[in-house]
Amino acid sequence: MAAAPQQITPQINQITRQIIGAAMRVHTALGPGLLESAYRACLIHELRKRGFKVASEVGLPVIYLGEKIDLGYRIDLIVADCVIVEIKCVEAINAVHKAQLLSYMRLSGRQIGLLINFHVEHLKDGIKRMVDGYDWQKNSTTESTEFHGGTPRSF
């Protein structure tokens, strides 16, 4: 069973803005074309410089019929213990990448995730923010936010 759902707050929205800003700084410095591991290491460095607690390559077991099964799933980053960041270096974000992030969010009980594809000319074109859950308030966000599991109640 996943952890209890978190409440989406203005603070979490601010954290996602800070993560996006850090990713943009990394992309500006490095450009596209490197391996995912290079962007991950630099993003971790940038986020920690900004004072964030960052966990990397976090194991994620699957709970099947009440039993915990370790299948080797790894979340790229968990920032401030509330935002999942999945890093990609691919030609385009596909539905399978979004499904992966959504699955990680649901299995971990976290409702906010960022999918960041560094293999783009302009990083703003490679960022997807996803929200999962029914009990949350949308205080401020970007156009690229995708909602899953319910309809946003307030804008």
Protein backbone atom coordinates (compact mmCIF):
# COMPACT_ATOMS: atom_id res chain seq x y z
CA MET A 1 0.00 0.00 0.00
CA ALA A 2 1.27 3.49 -0.76
CA ALA A 3 1.99 6.03 1.94
CA ALA A 4 -0.71 8.46 3.02
CA PRO A 5 -1.28 11.22 0.46
CA GLN A 6 0.39 14.55 1.04
CA GLN A 7 -1.35 17.91 0.94
CA ILE A 8 -0.32 20.10 -1.99
CA THR A 9 0.58 23.49 -0.55
CA PRO A 10 2.07 26.75 -1.79
CA GLN A 11 5.33 25.53 -0.23
CA ILE A 12 5.38 22.45 -2.50
CA ASN A 13 4.64 24.65 -5.50
CA GLN A 14 7.60 26.84 -4.49
CA ILE A 15 9.81 23.75 -4.21
CA THR A 16 8.88 22.66 -7.74
CA ARG A 17 9.69 26.16 -9.02
CA GLN A 18 13.10 25.97 -7.32
CA ILE A 19 13.76 22.52 -8.82
CA ILE A 20 12.85 23.80 -12.29
CA GLY A 21 15.12 26.80 -11.80
CA ALA A 22 17.99 24.55 -10.75
CA ALA A 23 17.40 22.27 -13.75
CA MET A 24 17.44 25.29 -16.07
CA ARG A 25 20.74 26.42 -14.58
CA VAL A 26 22.23 22.96 -15.15
CA HIS A 27 20.91 22.82 -18.72
CA THR A 28 22.25 26.31 -19.48
CA ALA A 29 25.69 25.29 -18.22
CA LEU A 30 25.87 21.86 -19.87
CA GLY A 31 23.48 22.01 -22.84
CA PRO A 32 21.86 18.89 -24.30
CA GLY A 33 23.70 15.73 -25.32
CA LEU A 34 25.18 14.27 -22.13
CA LEU A 35 24.18 11.15 -20.25
CA GLU A 36 21.38 11.19 -17.71
CA SER A 37 23.88 10.49 -14.92
CA ALA A 38 25.75 13.76 -15.62
CA TYR A 39 22.57 15.84 -15.38
CA ARG A 40 21.47 13.96 -12.26
CA ALA A 41 24.79 14.60 -10.48
CA CYS A 42 24.82 18.30 -11.42
CA LEU A 43 21.16 18.77 -10.48
CA ILE A 44 21.77 17.15 -7.09
CA HIS A 45 24.72 19.49 -6.56
CA GLU A 46 22.68 22.56 -7.56
CA LEU A 47 19.71 21.60 -5.36
CA ARG A 48 21.91 20.95 -2.33
CA LYS A 49 23.60 24.33 -2.87
CA ARG A 50 20.09 25.80 -2.61
CA GLY A 51 19.59 24.09 0.74
CA PHE A 52 17.39 21.17 -0.31
CA LYS A 53 17.57 17.66 1.08
CA VAL A 54 17.95 15.40 -1.99
CA ALA A 55 17.77 11.61 -2.05
CA SER A 56 19.06 9.91 -5.18
CA GLU A 57 18.36 6.50 -6.73
CA VAL A 58 15.76 5.70 -4.07
CA GLY A 59 14.60 2.08 -4.11
CA LEU A 60 10.88 1.62 -4.66
CA PRO A 61 9.36 -1.76 -3.84
CA VAL A 62 6.02 -2.86 -5.21
CA ILE A 63 3.35 -3.95 -2.75
CA TYR A 64 1.50 -6.87 -4.28
CA LEU A 65 -1.36 -8.50 -2.36
CA GLY A 66 0.03 -7.09 0.86
CA GLU A 67 3.59 -8.30 0.26
CA LYS A 68 6.57 -6.06 -0.41
CA ILE A 69 8.45 -7.16 -3.53
CA ASP A 70 11.73 -5.48 -4.46
CA LEU A 71 11.87 -5.35 -8.24
CA GLY A 72 14.76 -2.93 -8.62
CA TYR A 73 12.73 0.21 -9.36
CA ARG A 74 14.66 3.39 -8.54
CA ILE A 75 13.33 6.94 -8.26
CA ASP A 76 15.93 9.32 -9.71
CA LEU A 77 15.48 12.06 -7.08
CA ILE A 78 13.23 12.88 -4.17
CA VAL A 79 13.58 16.54 -3.21
CA ALA A 80 12.59 17.81 0.24
CA ASP A 81 10.95 14.41 0.83
CA CYS A 82 7.94 15.52 -1.21
CA VAL A 83 8.71 15.96 -4.94
CA ILE A 84 9.76 13.13 -7.24
CA VAL A 85 12.07 14.13 -10.09
CA GLU A 86 12.57 11.75 -13.00
CA ILE A 87 15.39 12.74 -15.33
CA LYS A 88 15.41 11.75 -18.98
CA CYS A 89 17.71 12.29 -21.97
CA VAL A 90 15.44 11.21 -24.81
CA GLU A 91 14.25 12.58 -28.16
CA ALA A 92 10.74 13.12 -26.80
CA ILE A 93 8.72 12.50 -23.64
CA ASN A 94 6.37 9.63 -24.40
CA ALA A 95 3.32 8.28 -22.61
CA VAL A 96 5.44 5.52 -21.05
CA HIS A 97 7.66 8.13 -19.34
CA LYS A 98 4.59 9.85 -17.88
CA ALA A 99 3.17 6.50 -16.79
CA GLN A 100 6.47 5.66 -15.07
CA LEU A 101 6.43 8.91 -13.08
CA LEU A 102 2.76 8.50 -12.19
CA SER A 103 3.41 4.93 -10.99
CA TYR A 104 6.34 6.09 -8.86
CA MET A 105 4.19 8.84 -7.37
CA ARG A 106 1.39 6.43 -6.50
CA LEU A 107 3.68 3.72 -5.11
CA SER A 108 5.56 6.22 -2.94
CA GLY A 109 2.50 8.21 -1.79
CA ARG A 110 3.84 11.47 -3.25
CA GLN A 111 1.46 13.57 -5.30
CA ILE A 112 3.86 15.89 -7.12
CA GLY A 113 6.38 14.85 -9.73
CA LEU A 114 8.57 16.50 -12.32
CA LEU A 115 9.65 14.79 -15.52
CA ILE A 116 12.68 16.64 -16.88
CA ASN A 117 14.11 15.80 -20.31
CA PHE A 118 17.54 17.39 -20.77
CA HIS A 119 17.80 16.30 -24.42
CA VAL A 120 16.09 19.43 -25.75
CA GLU A 121 17.37 22.75 -27.07
CA HIS A 122 15.24 24.76 -24.61
CA LEU A 123 14.64 23.06 -21.28
CA LYS A 124 11.18 24.64 -20.87
CA ASP A 125 10.12 22.30 -23.70
CA GLY A 126 11.32 19.26 -21.74
CA ILE A 127 9.57 19.77 -18.40
CA LYS A 128 6.32 18.11 -17.34
CA ARG A 129 4.84 18.68 -13.88
CA MET A 130 2.40 16.02 -12.76
CA VAL A 131 -0.07 16.04 -9.88
CA ASP A 132 -1.86 12.92 -8.66
CA GLY A 133 -4.68 12.86 -6.18
CA TYR A 134 -8.11 14.06 -5.24
CA ASP A 135 -7.55 16.09 -2.10
CA TRP A 136 -5.43 19.05 -3.11
CA GLN A 137 -5.63 22.70 -3.96
CA LYS A 138 -4.00 24.25 -6.97
CA ASN A 139 -2.66 27.60 -5.80
CA SER A 140 -0.21 28.31 -8.61
CA THR A 141 1.27 26.17 -11.32
CA THR A 142 2.38 26.11 -14.94
CA GLU A 143 0.52 25.26 -18.13
CA SER A 144 2.44 22.01 -18.46
CA THR A 145 0.97 20.52 -15.27
CA GLU A 146 -0.91 17.29 -15.88
CA PHE A 147 -3.60 16.21 -13.44
CA HIS A 148 -4.35 12.58 -12.64
CA GLY A 149 -6.92 10.95 -10.42
CA GLY A 150 -9.36 13.80 -10.18
CA THR A 151 -10.46 17.19 -11.35
CA PRO A 152 -8.75 20.28 -9.95
CA ARG A 153 -11.15 22.02 -7.58
CA SER A 154 -9.79 25.55 -7.55
CA PHE A 155 -7.65 27.66 -9.81
